Amino acid sequence: AGLDYPGVGPEHAWLMDSKRATYVGITDEEALAAFHDCCRTEGI
């Protein structure tokens, strides 16, 4: 729910355009897999 927003902060837009930061995508399934692995591997 916290990532379900149709915009992004303007400083991130500038960081991407200036190539100081890189932005990638992670799917629901990838996030859920990492969620479960983190629980079971690190106890968090």
ModelCIF file with pLDDT and N, C-alpha, C, O atoms, coordinates in Angstrom:
data_MODEL
#
_entry.id   MODEL 
#
_entity.id                         1 
_entity.type                       polymer 
_entity.pdbx_number_of_molecules   1 
#
_entity_poly.entity_id                      1 
_entity_poly.type                           'polypeptide(L)' 
_entity_poly.nstd_linkage                   no 
_entity_poly.nstd_monomer                   no 
_entity_poly.pdbx_seq_one_letter_code       AGLDYPGVGPEHAWLMDSKRATYVGITDEEALAAFHDCCRTEGI 
_entity_poly.pdbx_seq_one_letter_code_can   AGLDYPGVGPEHAWLMDSKRATYVGITDEEALAAFHDCCRTEGI 
_entity_poly.pdbx_strand_id                 A 
#
loop_
_entity_poly_seq.entity_id 
_entity_poly_seq.num 
_entity_poly_seq.mon_id 
_entity_poly_seq.hetero 
1 1  ALA n 
1 2  GLY n 
1 3  LEU n 
1 4  ASP n 
1 5  TYR n 
1 6  PRO n 
1 7  GLY n 
1 8  VAL n 
1 9  GLY n 
1 10 PRO n 
1 11 GLU n 
1 12 HIS n 
1 13 ALA n 
1 14 TRP n 
1 15 LEU n 
1 16 MET n 
1 17 ASP n 
1 18 SER n 
1 19 LYS n 
1 20 ARG n 
1 21 ALA n 
1 22 THR n 
1 23 TYR n 
1 24 VAL n 
1 25 GLY n 
1 26 ILE n 
1 27 THR n 
1 28 ASP n 
1 29 GLU n 
1 30 GLU n 
1 31 ALA n 
1 32 LEU n 
1 33 ALA n 
1 34 ALA n 
1 35 PHE n 
1 36 HIS n 
1 37 ASP n 
1 38 CYS n 
1 39 CYS n 
1 40 ARG n 
1 41 THR n 
1 42 GLU n 
1 43 GLY n 
1 44 ILE n 
#
_struct_asym.id          A 
_struct_asym.entity_id   1 
#
loop_
_ma_qa_metric.id 
_ma_qa_metric.mode 
_ma_qa_metric.name 
_ma_qa_metric.software_group_id 
_ma_qa_metric.type 
1 global pLDDT . pLDDT 
2 local  pLDDT . pLDDT 
#
_ma_qa_metric_global.metric_id      1 
_ma_qa_metric_global.metric_value   96.45 
_ma_qa_metric_global.model_id       1 
_ma_qa_metric_global.ordinal_id     1 
#
loop_
_ma_qa_metric_local.label_asym_id 
_ma_qa_metric_local.label_comp_id 
_ma_qa_metric_local.label_seq_id 
_ma_qa_metric_local.metric_id 
_ma_qa_metric_local.metric_value 
_ma_qa_metric_local.model_id 
_ma_qa_metric_local.ordinal_id 
A ALA 1  2 83.00 1 1  
A GLY 2  2 85.00 1 2  
A LEU 3  2 92.00 1 3  
A ASP 4  2 85.00 1 4  
A TYR 5  2 89.00 1 5  
A PRO 6  2 93.00 1 6  
A GLY 7  2 96.00 1 7  
A VAL 8  2 98.00 1 8  
A GLY 9  2 98.00 1 9  
A PRO 10 2 98.00 1 10 
A GLU 11 2 98.00 1 11 
A HIS 12 2 98.00 1 12 
A ALA 13 2 98.00 1 13 
A TRP 14 2 98.00 1 14 
A LEU 15 2 98.00 1 15 
A MET 16 2 98.00 1 16 
A ASP 17 2 98.00 1 17 
A SER 18 2 97.00 1 18 
A LYS 19 2 97.00 1 19 
A ARG 20 2 97.00 1 20 
A ALA 21 2 98.00 1 21 
A THR 22 2 98.00 1 22 
A TYR 23 2 98.00 1 23 
A VAL 24 2 98.00 1 24 
A GLY 25 2 98.00 1 25 
A ILE 26 2 98.00 1 26 
A THR 27 2 98.00 1 27 
A ASP 28 2 98.00 1 28 
A GLU 29 2 97.00 1 29 
A GLU 30 2 98.00 1 30 
A ALA 31 2 98.00 1 31 
A LEU 32 2 98.00 1 32 
A ALA 33 2 98.00 1 33 
A ALA 34 2 98.00 1 34 
A PHE 35 2 98.00 1 35 
A HIS 36 2 97.00 1 36 
A ASP 37 2 98.00 1 37 
A CYS 38 2 98.00 1 38 
A CYS 39 2 98.00 1 39 
A ARG 40 2 98.00 1 40 
A THR 41 2 98.00 1 41 
A GLU 42 2 98.00 1 42 
A GLY 43 2 98.00 1 43 
A ILE 44 2 98.00 1 44 
#
loop_
_atom_site.group_PDB 
_atom_site.id 
_atom_site.type_symbol 
_atom_site.label_atom_id 
_atom_site.label_alt_id 
_atom_site.label_comp_id 
_atom_site.label_asym_id 
_atom_site.label_entity_id 
_atom_site.label_seq_id 
_atom_site.pdbx_PDB_ins_code 
_atom_site.Cartn_x 
_atom_site.Cartn_y 
_atom_site.Cartn_z 
_atom_site.occupancy 
_atom_site.B_iso_or_equiv 
_atom_site.pdbx_formal_charge 
_atom_site.auth_seq_id 
_atom_site.auth_comp_id 
_atom_site.auth_asym_id 
_atom_site.auth_atom_id 
_atom_site.pdbx_PDB_model_num 
ATOM 1   N N  . ALA A 1 1  ? 0.823  -1.211  0.000   1.00 83.00 ? 1  ALA A N  1 
ATOM 2   C CA . ALA A 1 1  ? 0.000  0.000   0.000   1.00 83.00 ? 1  ALA A CA 1 
ATOM 3   C C  . ALA A 1 1  ? 0.858  1.262   0.000   1.00 83.00 ? 1  ALA A C  1 
ATOM 4   O O  . ALA A 1 1  ? 0.451  2.283   -0.555  1.00 83.00 ? 1  ALA A O  1 
ATOM 5   N N  . GLY A 1 2  ? 2.025  1.207   0.608   1.00 85.00 ? 2  GLY A N  1 
ATOM 6   C CA . GLY A 1 2  ? 2.884  2.383   0.698   1.00 85.00 ? 2  GLY A CA 1 
ATOM 7   C C  . GLY A 1 2  ? 3.587  2.754   -0.591  1.00 85.00 ? 2  GLY A C  1 
ATOM 8   O O  . GLY A 1 2  ? 4.118  3.858   -0.707  1.00 85.00 ? 2  GLY A O  1 
ATOM 9   N N  . LEU A 1 3  ? 3.601  1.848   -1.568  1.00 92.00 ? 3  LEU A N  1 
ATOM 10  C CA . LEU A 1 3  ? 4.251  2.144   -2.851  1.00 92.00 ? 3  LEU A CA 1 
ATOM 11  C C  . LEU A 1 3  ? 3.229  2.421   -3.950  1.00 92.00 ? 3  LEU A C  1 
ATOM 12  O O  . LEU A 1 3  ? 3.593  2.675   -5.098  1.00 92.00 ? 3  LEU A O  1 
ATOM 13  N N  . ASP A 1 4  ? 1.956  2.369   -3.590  1.00 85.00 ? 4  ASP A N  1 
ATOM 14  C CA . ASP A 1 4  ? 0.868  2.473   -4.557  1.00 85.00 ? 4  ASP A CA 1 
ATOM 15  C C  . ASP A 1 4  ? 0.506  3.938   -4.803  1.00 85.00 ? 4  ASP A C  1 
ATOM 16  O O  . ASP A 1 4  ? -0.589 4.387   -4.464  1.00 85.00 ? 4  ASP A O  1 
ATOM 17  N N  . TYR A 1 5  ? 1.456  4.678   -5.404  1.00 89.00 ? 5  TYR A N  1 
ATOM 18  C CA . TYR A 1 5  ? 1.282  6.120   -5.618  1.00 89.00 ? 5  TYR A CA 1 
ATOM 19  C C  . TYR A 1 5  ? 1.668  6.439   -7.060  1.00 89.00 ? 5  TYR A C  1 
ATOM 20  O O  . TYR A 1 5  ? 2.680  5.931   -7.542  1.00 89.00 ? 5  TYR A O  1 
ATOM 21  N N  . PRO A 1 6  ? 0.890  7.268   -7.763  1.00 93.00 ? 6  PRO A N  1 
ATOM 22  C CA . PRO A 1 6  ? 1.125  7.492   -9.197  1.00 93.00 ? 6  PRO A CA 1 
ATOM 23  C C  . PRO A 1 6  ? 2.180  8.551   -9.520  1.00 93.00 ? 6  PRO A C  1 
ATOM 24  O O  . PRO A 1 6  ? 2.368  8.895   -10.687 1.00 93.00 ? 6  PRO A O  1 
ATOM 25  N N  . GLY A 1 7  ? 2.865  9.069   -8.510  1.00 96.00 ? 7  GLY A N  1 
ATOM 26  C CA . GLY A 1 7  ? 3.921  10.053  -8.737  1.00 96.00 ? 7  GLY A CA 1 
ATOM 27  C C  . GLY A 1 7  ? 5.143  9.707   -7.921  1.00 96.00 ? 7  GLY A C  1 
ATOM 28  O O  . GLY A 1 7  ? 5.239  8.622   -7.345  1.00 96.00 ? 7  GLY A O  1 
ATOM 29  N N  . VAL A 1 8  ? 6.086  10.646  -7.875  1.00 98.00 ? 8  VAL A N  1 
ATOM 30  C CA . VAL A 1 8  ? 7.321  10.428  -7.123  1.00 98.00 ? 8  VAL A CA 1 
ATOM 31  C C  . VAL A 1 8  ? 7.871  11.796  -6.757  1.00 98.00 ? 8  VAL A C  1 
ATOM 32  O O  . VAL A 1 8  ? 7.618  12.777  -7.455  1.00 98.00 ? 8  VAL A O  1 
ATOM 33  N N  . GLY A 1 9  ? 8.617  11.863  -5.674  1.00 98.00 ? 9  GLY A N  1 
ATOM 34  C CA . GLY A 1 9  ? 9.190  13.133  -5.262  1.00 98.00 ? 9  GLY A CA 1 
ATOM 35  C C  . GLY A 1 9  ? 10.052 13.749  -6.350  1.00 98.00 ? 9  GLY A C  1 
ATOM 36  O O  . GLY A 1 9  ? 10.760 13.023  -7.047  1.00 98.00 ? 9  GLY A O  1 
ATOM 37  N N  . PRO A 1 10 ? 10.015 15.072  -6.519  1.00 98.00 ? 10 PRO A N  1 
ATOM 38  C CA . PRO A 1 10 ? 10.745 15.730  -7.605  1.00 98.00 ? 10 PRO A CA 1 
ATOM 39  C C  . PRO A 1 10 ? 12.262 15.584  -7.519  1.00 98.00 ? 10 PRO A C  1 
ATOM 40  O O  . PRO A 1 10 ? 12.947 15.626  -8.541  1.00 98.00 ? 10 PRO A O  1 
ATOM 41  N N  . GLU A 1 11 ? 12.787 15.414  -6.318  1.00 98.00 ? 11 GLU A N  1 
ATOM 42  C CA . GLU A 1 11 ? 14.239 15.240  -6.209  1.00 98.00 ? 11 GLU A CA 1 
ATOM 43  C C  . GLU A 1 11 ? 14.673 13.912  -6.809  1.00 98.00 ? 11 GLU A C  1 
ATOM 44  O O  . GLU A 1 11 ? 15.762 13.811  -7.373  1.00 98.00 ? 11 GLU A O  1 
ATOM 45  N N  . HIS A 1 12 ? 13.824 12.888  -6.691  1.00 98.00 ? 12 HIS A N  1 
ATOM 46  C CA . HIS A 1 12 ? 14.136 11.606  -7.339  1.00 98.00 ? 12 HIS A CA 1 
ATOM 47  C C  . HIS A 1 12 ? 14.131 11.766  -8.859  1.00 98.00 ? 12 HIS A C  1 
ATOM 48  O O  . HIS A 1 12 ? 14.968 11.184  -9.550  1.00 98.00 ? 12 HIS A O  1 
ATOM 49  N N  . ALA A 1 13 ? 13.193 12.548  -9.376  1.00 98.00 ? 13 ALA A N  1 
ATOM 50  C CA . ALA A 1 13 ? 13.146 12.798  -10.821 1.00 98.00 ? 13 ALA A CA 1 
ATOM 51  C C  . ALA A 1 13 ? 14.451 13.427  -11.288 1.00 98.00 ? 13 ALA A C  1 
ATOM 52  O O  . ALA A 1 13 ? 14.991 13.065  -12.333 1.00 98.00 ? 13 ALA A O  1 
ATOM 53  N N  . TRP A 1 14 ? 14.947 14.374  -10.498 1.00 98.00 ? 14 TRP A N  1 
ATOM 54  C CA . TRP A 1 14 ? 16.205 15.035  -10.854 1.00 98.00 ? 14 TRP A CA 1 
ATOM 55  C C  . TRP A 1 14 ? 17.396 14.076  -10.735 1.00 98.00 ? 14 TRP A C  1 
ATOM 56  O O  . TRP A 1 14 ? 18.281 14.079  -11.591 1.00 98.00 ? 14 TRP A O  1 
ATOM 57  N N  . LEU A 1 15 ? 17.422 13.264  -9.687  1.00 98.00 ? 15 LEU A N  1 
ATOM 58  C CA . LEU A 1 15 ? 18.522 12.314  -9.505  1.00 98.00 ? 15 LEU A CA 1 
ATOM 59  C C  . LEU A 1 15 ? 18.567 11.301  -10.650 1.00 98.00 ? 15 LEU A C  1 
ATOM 60  O O  . LEU A 1 15 ? 19.646 10.888  -11.074 1.00 98.00 ? 15 LEU A O  1 
ATOM 61  N N  . MET A 1 16 ? 17.399 10.904  -11.148 1.00 98.00 ? 16 MET A N  1 
ATOM 62  C CA . MET A 1 16 ? 17.375 9.977   -12.278 1.00 98.00 ? 16 MET A CA 1 
ATOM 63  C C  . MET A 1 16 ? 17.881 10.668  -13.543 1.00 98.00 ? 16 MET A C  1 
ATOM 64  O O  . MET A 1 16 ? 18.748 10.136  -14.237 1.00 98.00 ? 16 MET A O  1 
ATOM 65  N N  . ASP A 1 17 ? 17.344 11.850  -13.844 1.00 98.00 ? 17 ASP A N  1 
ATOM 66  C CA . ASP A 1 17 ? 17.743 12.549  -15.063 1.00 98.00 ? 17 ASP A CA 1 
ATOM 67  C C  . ASP A 1 17 ? 19.232 12.896  -15.058 1.00 98.00 ? 17 ASP A C  1 
ATOM 68  O O  . ASP A 1 17 ? 19.885 12.857  -16.100 1.00 98.00 ? 17 ASP A O  1 
ATOM 69  N N  . SER A 1 18 ? 19.761 13.235  -13.888 1.00 97.00 ? 18 SER A N  1 
ATOM 70  C CA . SER A 1 18 ? 21.179 13.599  -13.787 1.00 97.00 ? 18 SER A CA 1 
ATOM 71  C C  . SER A 1 18 ? 22.076 12.374  -13.690 1.00 97.00 ? 18 SER A C  1 
ATOM 72  O O  . SER A 1 18 ? 23.302 12.488  -13.656 1.00 97.00 ? 18 SER A O  1 
ATOM 73  N N  . LYS A 1 19 ? 21.446 11.186  -13.646 1.00 97.00 ? 19 LYS A N  1 
ATOM 74  C CA . LYS A 1 19 ? 22.147 9.907   -13.586 1.00 97.00 ? 19 LYS A CA 1 
ATOM 75  C C  . LYS A 1 19 ? 22.927 9.706   -12.279 1.00 97.00 ? 19 LYS A C  1 
ATOM 76  O O  . LYS A 1 19 ? 23.809 8.851   -12.204 1.00 97.00 ? 19 LYS A O  1 
ATOM 77  N N  . ARG A 1 20 ? 22.600 10.492  -11.261 1.00 97.00 ? 20 ARG A N  1 
ATOM 78  C CA . ARG A 1 20 ? 23.252 10.254  -9.972  1.00 97.00 ? 20 ARG A CA 1 
ATOM 79  C C  . ARG A 1 20 ? 22.655 9.038   -9.277  1.00 97.00 ? 20 ARG A C  1 
ATOM 80  O O  . ARG A 1 20 ? 23.335 8.380   -8.489  1.00 97.00 ? 20 ARG A O  1 
ATOM 81  N N  . ALA A 1 21 ? 21.399 8.735   -9.557  1.00 98.00 ? 21 ALA A N  1 
ATOM 82  C CA . ALA A 1 21 ? 20.757 7.548   -9.003  1.00 98.00 ? 21 ALA A CA 1 
ATOM 83  C C  . ALA A 1 21 ? 20.132 6.737   -10.127 1.00 98.00 ? 21 ALA A C  1 
ATOM 84  O O  . ALA A 1 21 ? 19.763 7.270   -11.174 1.00 98.00 ? 21 ALA A O  1 
ATOM 85  N N  . THR A 1 22 ? 20.022 5.437   -9.887  1.00 98.00 ? 22 THR A N  1 
ATOM 86  C CA . THR A 1 22 ? 19.412 4.511   -10.836 1.00 98.00 ? 22 THR A CA 1 
ATOM 87  C C  . THR A 1 22 ? 18.128 3.975   -10.215 1.00 98.00 ? 22 THR A C  1 
ATOM 88  O O  . THR A 1 22 ? 18.063 3.752   -9.007  1.00 98.00 ? 22 THR A O  1 
ATOM 89  N N  . TYR A 1 23 ? 17.105 3.769   -11.047 1.00 98.00 ? 23 TYR A N  1 
ATOM 90  C CA . TYR A 1 23 ? 15.830 3.283   -10.537 1.00 98.00 ? 23 TYR A CA 1 
ATOM 91  C C  . TYR A 1 23 ? 15.425 2.020   -11.283 1.00 98.00 ? 23 TYR A C  1 
ATOM 92  O O  . TYR A 1 23 ? 15.469 1.965   -12.512 1.00 98.00 ? 23 TYR A O  1 
ATOM 93  N N  . VAL A 1 24 ? 15.031 1.007   -10.519 1.00 98.00 ? 24 VAL A N  1 
ATOM 94  C CA . VAL A 1 24 ? 14.671 -0.297  -11.081 1.00 98.00 ? 24 VAL A CA 1 
ATOM 95  C C  . VAL A 1 24 ? 13.307 -0.708  -10.539 1.00 98.00 ? 24 VAL A C  1 
ATOM 96  O O  . VAL A 1 24 ? 12.782 -0.083  -9.617  1.00 98.00 ? 24 VAL A O  1 
ATOM 97  N N  . GLY A 1 25 ? 12.739 -1.761  -11.117 1.00 98.00 ? 25 GLY A N  1 
ATOM 98  C CA . GLY A 1 25 ? 11.444 -2.259  -10.674 1.00 98.00 ? 25 GLY A CA 1 
ATOM 99  C C  . GLY A 1 25 ? 11.542 -3.654  -10.082 1.00 98.00 ? 25 GLY A C  1 
ATOM 100 O O  . GLY A 1 25 ? 12.336 -4.479  -10.533 1.00 98.00 ? 25 GLY A O  1 
ATOM 101 N N  . ILE A 1 26 ? 10.721 -3.910  -9.063  1.00 98.00 ? 26 ILE A N  1 
ATOM 102 C CA . ILE A 1 26 ? 10.599 -5.236  -8.461  1.00 98.00 ? 26 ILE A CA 1 
ATOM 103 C C  . ILE A 1 26 ? 9.110  -5.584  -8.425  1.00 98.00 ? 26 ILE A C  1 
ATOM 104 O O  . ILE A 1 26 ? 8.287  -4.775  -7.997  1.00 98.00 ? 26 ILE A O  1 
ATOM 105 N N  . THR A 1 27 ? 8.776  -6.786  -8.873  1.00 98.00 ? 27 THR A N  1 
ATOM 106 C CA . THR A 1 27 ? 7.380  -7.198  -8.934  1.00 98.00 ? 27 THR A CA 1 
ATOM 107 C C  . THR A 1 27 ? 6.844  -7.612  -7.564  1.00 98.00 ? 27 THR A C  1 
ATOM 108 O O  . THR A 1 27 ? 7.598  -7.815  -6.612  1.00 98.00 ? 27 THR A O  1 
ATOM 109 N N  . ASP A 1 28 ? 5.512  -7.731  -7.496  1.00 98.00 ? 28 ASP A N  1 
ATOM 110 C CA . ASP A 1 28 ? 4.873  -8.225  -6.276  1.00 98.00 ? 28 ASP A CA 1 
ATOM 111 C C  . ASP A 1 28 ? 5.467  -9.568  -5.860  1.00 98.00 ? 28 ASP A C  1 
ATOM 112 O O  . ASP A 1 28 ? 5.804  -9.772  -4.694  1.00 98.00 ? 28 ASP A O  1 
ATOM 113 N N  . GLU A 1 29 ? 5.592  -10.473 -6.816  1.00 97.00 ? 29 GLU A N  1 
ATOM 114 C CA . GLU A 1 29 ? 6.066  -11.823 -6.495  1.00 97.00 ? 29 GLU A CA 1 
ATOM 115 C C  . GLU A 1 29 ? 7.504  -11.811 -5.994  1.00 97.00 ? 29 GLU A C  1 
ATOM 116 O O  . GLU A 1 29 ? 7.844  -12.539 -5.061  1.00 97.00 ? 29 GLU A O  1 
ATOM 117 N N  . GLU A 1 30 ? 8.347  -10.990 -6.607  1.00 98.00 ? 30 GLU A N  1 
ATOM 118 C CA . GLU A 1 30 ? 9.730  -10.888 -6.150  1.00 98.00 ? 30 GLU A CA 1 
ATOM 119 C C  . GLU A 1 30 ? 9.808  -10.310 -4.733  1.00 98.00 ? 30 GLU A C  1 
ATOM 120 O O  . GLU A 1 30 ? 10.608 -10.755 -3.910  1.00 98.00 ? 30 GLU A O  1 
ATOM 121 N N  . ALA A 1 31 ? 8.968  -9.319  -4.469  1.00 98.00 ? 31 ALA A N  1 
ATOM 122 C CA . ALA A 1 31 ? 8.957  -8.707  -3.139  1.00 98.00 ? 31 ALA A CA 1 
ATOM 123 C C  . ALA A 1 31 ? 8.462  -9.693  -2.092  1.00 98.00 ? 31 ALA A C  1 
ATOM 124 O O  . ALA A 1 31 ? 9.019  -9.769  -0.996  1.00 98.00 ? 31 ALA A O  1 
ATOM 125 N N  . LEU A 1 32 ? 7.421  -10.448 -2.420  1.00 98.00 ? 32 LEU A N  1 
ATOM 126 C CA . LEU A 1 32 ? 6.880  -11.429 -1.477  1.00 98.00 ? 32 LEU A CA 1 
ATOM 127 C C  . LEU A 1 32 ? 7.888  -12.542 -1.204  1.00 98.00 ? 32 LEU A C  1 
ATOM 128 O O  . LEU A 1 32 ? 7.999  -13.018 -0.074  1.00 98.00 ? 32 LEU A O  1 
ATOM 129 N N  . ALA A 1 33 ? 8.617  -12.956 -2.230  1.00 98.00 ? 33 ALA A N  1 
ATOM 130 C CA . ALA A 1 33 ? 9.651  -13.980 -2.018  1.00 98.00 ? 33 ALA A CA 1 
ATOM 131 C C  . ALA A 1 33 ? 10.738 -13.461 -1.089  1.00 98.00 ? 33 ALA A C  1 
ATOM 132 O O  . ALA A 1 33 ? 11.186 -14.180 -0.195  1.00 98.00 ? 33 ALA A O  1 
ATOM 133 N N  . ALA A 1 34 ? 11.164 -12.218 -1.291  1.00 98.00 ? 34 ALA A N  1 
ATOM 134 C CA . ALA A 1 34 ? 12.185 -11.625 -0.425  1.00 98.00 ? 34 ALA A CA 1 
ATOM 135 C C  . ALA A 1 34 ? 11.649 -11.463 0.996   1.00 98.00 ? 34 ALA A C  1 
ATOM 136 O O  . ALA A 1 34 ? 12.384 -11.661 1.964   1.00 98.00 ? 34 ALA A O  1 
ATOM 137 N N  . PHE A 1 35 ? 10.378 -11.105 1.122   1.00 98.00 ? 35 PHE A N  1 
ATOM 138 C CA . PHE A 1 35 ? 9.733  -10.975 2.434   1.00 98.00 ? 35 PHE A CA 1 
ATOM 139 C C  . PHE A 1 35 ? 9.863  -12.281 3.212   1.00 98.00 ? 35 PHE A C  1 
ATOM 140 O O  . PHE A 1 35 ? 10.311 -12.286 4.359   1.00 98.00 ? 35 PHE A O  1 
ATOM 141 N N  . HIS A 1 36 ? 9.471  -13.384 2.586   1.00 97.00 ? 36 HIS A N  1 
ATOM 142 C CA . HIS A 1 36 ? 9.517  -14.685 3.257   1.00 97.00 ? 36 HIS A CA 1 
ATOM 143 C C  . HIS A 1 36 ? 10.949 -15.127 3.542   1.00 97.00 ? 36 HIS A C  1 
ATOM 144 O O  . HIS A 1 36 ? 11.228 -15.662 4.615   1.00 97.00 ? 36 HIS A O  1 
ATOM 145 N N  . ASP A 1 37 ? 11.856 -14.909 2.598   1.00 98.00 ? 37 ASP A N  1 
ATOM 146 C CA . ASP A 1 37 ? 13.248 -15.295 2.816   1.00 98.00 ? 37 ASP A CA 1 
ATOM 147 C C  . ASP A 1 37 ? 13.880 -14.515 3.955   1.00 98.00 ? 37 ASP A C  1 
ATOM 148 O O  . ASP A 1 37 ? 14.656 -15.064 4.736   1.00 98.00 ? 37 ASP A O  1 
ATOM 149 N N  . CYS A 1 38 ? 13.544 -13.226 4.049   1.00 98.00 ? 38 CYS A N  1 
ATOM 150 C CA . CYS A 1 38 ? 14.092 -12.393 5.122   1.00 98.00 ? 38 CYS A CA 1 
ATOM 151 C C  . CYS A 1 38 ? 13.597 -12.890 6.477   1.00 98.00 ? 38 CYS A C  1 
ATOM 152 O O  . CYS A 1 38 ? 14.357 -12.948 7.443   1.00 98.00 ? 38 CYS A O  1 
ATOM 153 N N  . CYS A 1 39 ? 12.326 -13.244 6.537   1.00 98.00 ? 39 CYS A N  1 
ATOM 154 C CA . CYS A 1 39 ? 11.771 -13.779 7.781   1.00 98.00 ? 39 CYS A CA 1 
ATOM 155 C C  . CYS A 1 39 ? 12.527 -15.030 8.228   1.00 98.00 ? 39 CYS A C  1 
ATOM 156 O O  . CYS A 1 39 ? 12.898 -15.161 9.394   1.00 98.00 ? 39 CYS A O  1 
ATOM 157 N N  . ARG A 1 40 ? 12.744 -15.926 7.302   1.00 98.00 ? 40 ARG A N  1 
ATOM 158 C CA . ARG A 1 40 ? 13.268 -17.258 7.651   1.00 98.00 ? 40 ARG A CA 1 
ATOM 159 C C  . ARG A 1 40 ? 14.787 -17.314 7.732   1.00 98.00 ? 40 ARG A C  1 
ATOM 160 O O  . ARG A 1 40 ? 15.349 -18.182 8.399   1.00 98.00 ? 40 ARG A O  1 
ATOM 161 N N  . THR A 1 41 ? 15.445 -16.385 7.052   1.00 98.00 ? 41 THR A N  1 
ATOM 162 C CA . THR A 1 41 ? 16.915 -16.410 7.042   1.00 98.00 ? 41 THR A CA 1 
ATOM 163 C C  . THR A 1 41 ? 17.508 -15.495 8.096   1.00 98.00 ? 41 THR A C  1 
ATOM 164 O O  . THR A 1 41 ? 18.526 -15.829 8.703   1.00 98.00 ? 41 THR A O  1 
ATOM 165 N N  . GLU A 1 42 ? 16.890 -14.350 8.319   1.00 98.00 ? 42 GLU A N  1 
ATOM 166 C CA . GLU A 1 42 ? 17.463 -13.372 9.251   1.00 98.00 ? 42 GLU A CA 1 
ATOM 167 C C  . GLU A 1 42 ? 16.614 -13.116 10.496  1.00 98.00 ? 42 GLU A C  1 
ATOM 168 O O  . GLU A 1 42 ? 17.034 -12.380 11.388  1.00 98.00 ? 42 GLU A O  1 
ATOM 169 N N  . GLY A 1 43 ? 15.412 -13.723 10.566  1.00 98.00 ? 43 GLY A N  1 
ATOM 170 C CA . GLY A 1 43 ? 14.575 -13.499 11.735  1.00 98.00 ? 43 GLY A CA 1 
ATOM 171 C C  . GLY A 1 43 ? 14.018 -12.093 11.811  1.00 98.00 ? 43 GLY A C  1 
ATOM 172 O O  . GLY A 1 43 ? 13.719 -11.599 12.898  1.00 98.00 ? 43 GLY A O  1 
ATOM 173 N N  . ILE A 1 44 ? 13.875 -11.442 10.662  1.00 98.00 ? 44 ILE A N  1 
ATOM 174 C CA . ILE A 1 44 ? 13.346 -10.083 10.583  1.00 98.00 ? 44 ILE A CA 1 
ATOM 175 C C  . ILE A 1 44 ? 12.149 -10.095 9.639   1.00 98.00 ? 44 ILE A C  1 
ATOM 176 O O  . ILE A 1 44 ? 11.532 -9.054  9.412   1.00 98.00 ? 44 ILE A O  1 
#
